[in-house]
Amino acid sequence: MFPTHPLDLPEICSRIANSLRLNDLASCACVCQDWNDSFTPLLYKSIVLSKHGLSMESFERNKHLVRRLVIESSVYDNLPTTSSRDQVVSSVMANTTLTTLDLESNSIGDNGAQALSEALKNNSTLSTLDLGWNSIGPDGAQALSEALKINSALTTLNLNINSVGPDGAQALSEALRNNSTLTTLNVRYNSIRSHGAQALSEALKINSTLTTLNLNENGIGSNGAQALSEALKNNSTLTTLILKDNSIGPDGAQALSEALKTNSTLTMLNLGSNSIGPNGAQALSDALKTNSTMTTLNLEDNDIGSNGAQALSEALKNNSTLTTLSLSINSFGEYGAQVLSEALKINSTLTTLTLDDNDIGSNGAQALSEALKNNSTLNTLALSKNSIEDDGAQALSEALKTNSTLTTLHLHRDEIGPDGAQALSVALKTNSTLTTLDLSSNSIIENGAQALSEALKSNSALTTLNLTGNSIGPEGAQVLSKALRTNVTLTDLNLEYNLIGNDGAQALSEALNTNSTLTTLLLEDNTIGPNGAQALSVSLKTNSTLTTLNLRYNAIGNDGVQALCEALKANSTLTTLDLEHNKIGTDGAQALSGALKTNRTVTITGVLFR
């Protein structure tokens, strides 16, 4: 017996709402006044105004309930004049409950930014504003900056991919000297150049609230990095600085390194794609030997070479705070892998190491494998695009037999064949910690799939297996399906681009009849036709765990869709079904529309409903 009406209990309403579509919520709200009072607030808490969704008029009627609002370009572009667009902005901003406004990709320009600025001066509730991709120039940035000097509610401002330039950065700098609430500022890809970076740096010397600054792709150069370095020597609040693709070079890295020797608040620094070279890596290495706050460092695509890897390895032997290091695309070869391996034998804090695309080869993989036999902290290792081949996979297999901390291993496009898959499978039979294995875009073929299948029958730790693009064919799908009948831990299986055909789909369907743990099955581009879809449909009628099924780029046609529709009438667990590019015509789309009238849990993508 409820002490009050069930719909008066927020938890019950929330649980009901989470299981309903937007149009279902709207229908519930129309039943009676009690239901209207209960479901309308949930319906409008977070809404998207789009061509096929809720209208501006609907928002106006219920704007007092809205907390998060996304206005898609199809709505904004259809407004007849600039003044009418400004009126929409003013109306939205007058809302006293709205906390998040997303206007990305609406081409609001400087005039729209001006209208927002005027509204922000009086608004006291909006905390997040996304203005990315909006053709905002220096004048628009100037207008927004004037508002930031007054506004005391906004904490996150996204201006990425606009054209604010150095003058706009100067205006934002003036605002940051006065503003005391903004914590995150994204000015990525705005051509602020070195002068803009210098202006923002002056503000950082004074500002005491900003914690995250994104200046990606702004051409700030070494002079901009030097200015930011001076700011970091004084600033005590910034924790995340993103400077990817800014041509800072070795001199810029040297300048930032000097700041890192004394700065005690910055925890994340992204310097990817900056051509810092081995000298820049050496400078950062010197800083890491004394810095005790940095936890994440991204130096991918920086031409540091083997000498740079050597320098960083020396730092890792002493540093006790860095947990994540990305060194992908740095051409340090097997020697770089060797010196990093020596560091891993000593380091006890690094948990994630990304070394993709470094041409370390099988010898480099063997060196790292020796370190893994002793290291007890690393849990994620990415070695994709390194041509480690079967010998490298064999070495890693030996490490996995004793290692008890690694949980994620990425070996995408590593020229691993069936022998390499066989070696890894032997380790999987005893390893009890690895949960994610990525073997995508290799050539393990049917024999490799057979070996992995045998491992899956006894392995009780692996939850995610990616075998995309391995030419396993229908026979490979069949042997994996046998493992799925008994395996009770795997939740995500990716078999995209494997030519498994109808026979492979049939085998997987038989596995789904008994499997009770798999939640995600990706079968994109596998030459599955109507018969394959029919087979999968049979298992979907009884399977109660699969939530995501991707059948994109197959050829199931209208007949295959009809079979899936029959399954959807009984299935109540599938939430995502992707059918893009499947030769589905009007009849198929109509059948799916009919199925959606009874199935209230699934979202179908890739089909145009008319």
Foldseek 3Di string as FASTA:
>chain_A
DDPDPPLVDLVSLVVVLVLFDLVVLVVQLPPDVSSVVRRVLVSAQADEDDPPGDHLVVCLVPVLSYAEYEYDQRRLVPDDDLVVSLVSLLSNLVHQRYAYYADAQNQNELSNLLSNLVSLLPHARHAEYAHENHQYELNSLLSNLVSLLRHQRHAYYHHAPYAHELNSLLSNLVSQLRHQRHAYYEHEPHQNEQNSLLNNLVSLLRHQRHAEYHHEPRQNELNSLLSNLVSQLRHQRHAYYEYEQRQNELNSLLNNLVSLQRRQRHAEYEHEPRQNELNSLLSNLVSLLRHQRHAYYEHEQHQNAQSSLLNNLVSLLRHQRHAYYEHEHRQNELSSLLSNLVSLLRHQRHAEYEHEHRQNELNSLLNNLVSLLRHQRHAYYEHENRQNELSSLLSNLVSLQRHQRHAYYHHAHNQYELNSLLNNLVSLQRRQRHAYYHHEQYAHEQNSLLSNLVSQLRHQRHAEYAHHNHQNELNSLLSNLVSLLRHQRHAYYEHEPRQNELSSLLNNLVSLQRHQRHAYYEHEQRQYELNSLLNNLVSLLPRARHAYYEHHHYAHEQNSLLSNLVSLLRHARHAEYEHANHNYDQNSLVSVVVSCVRHRRYDYPRDDHD
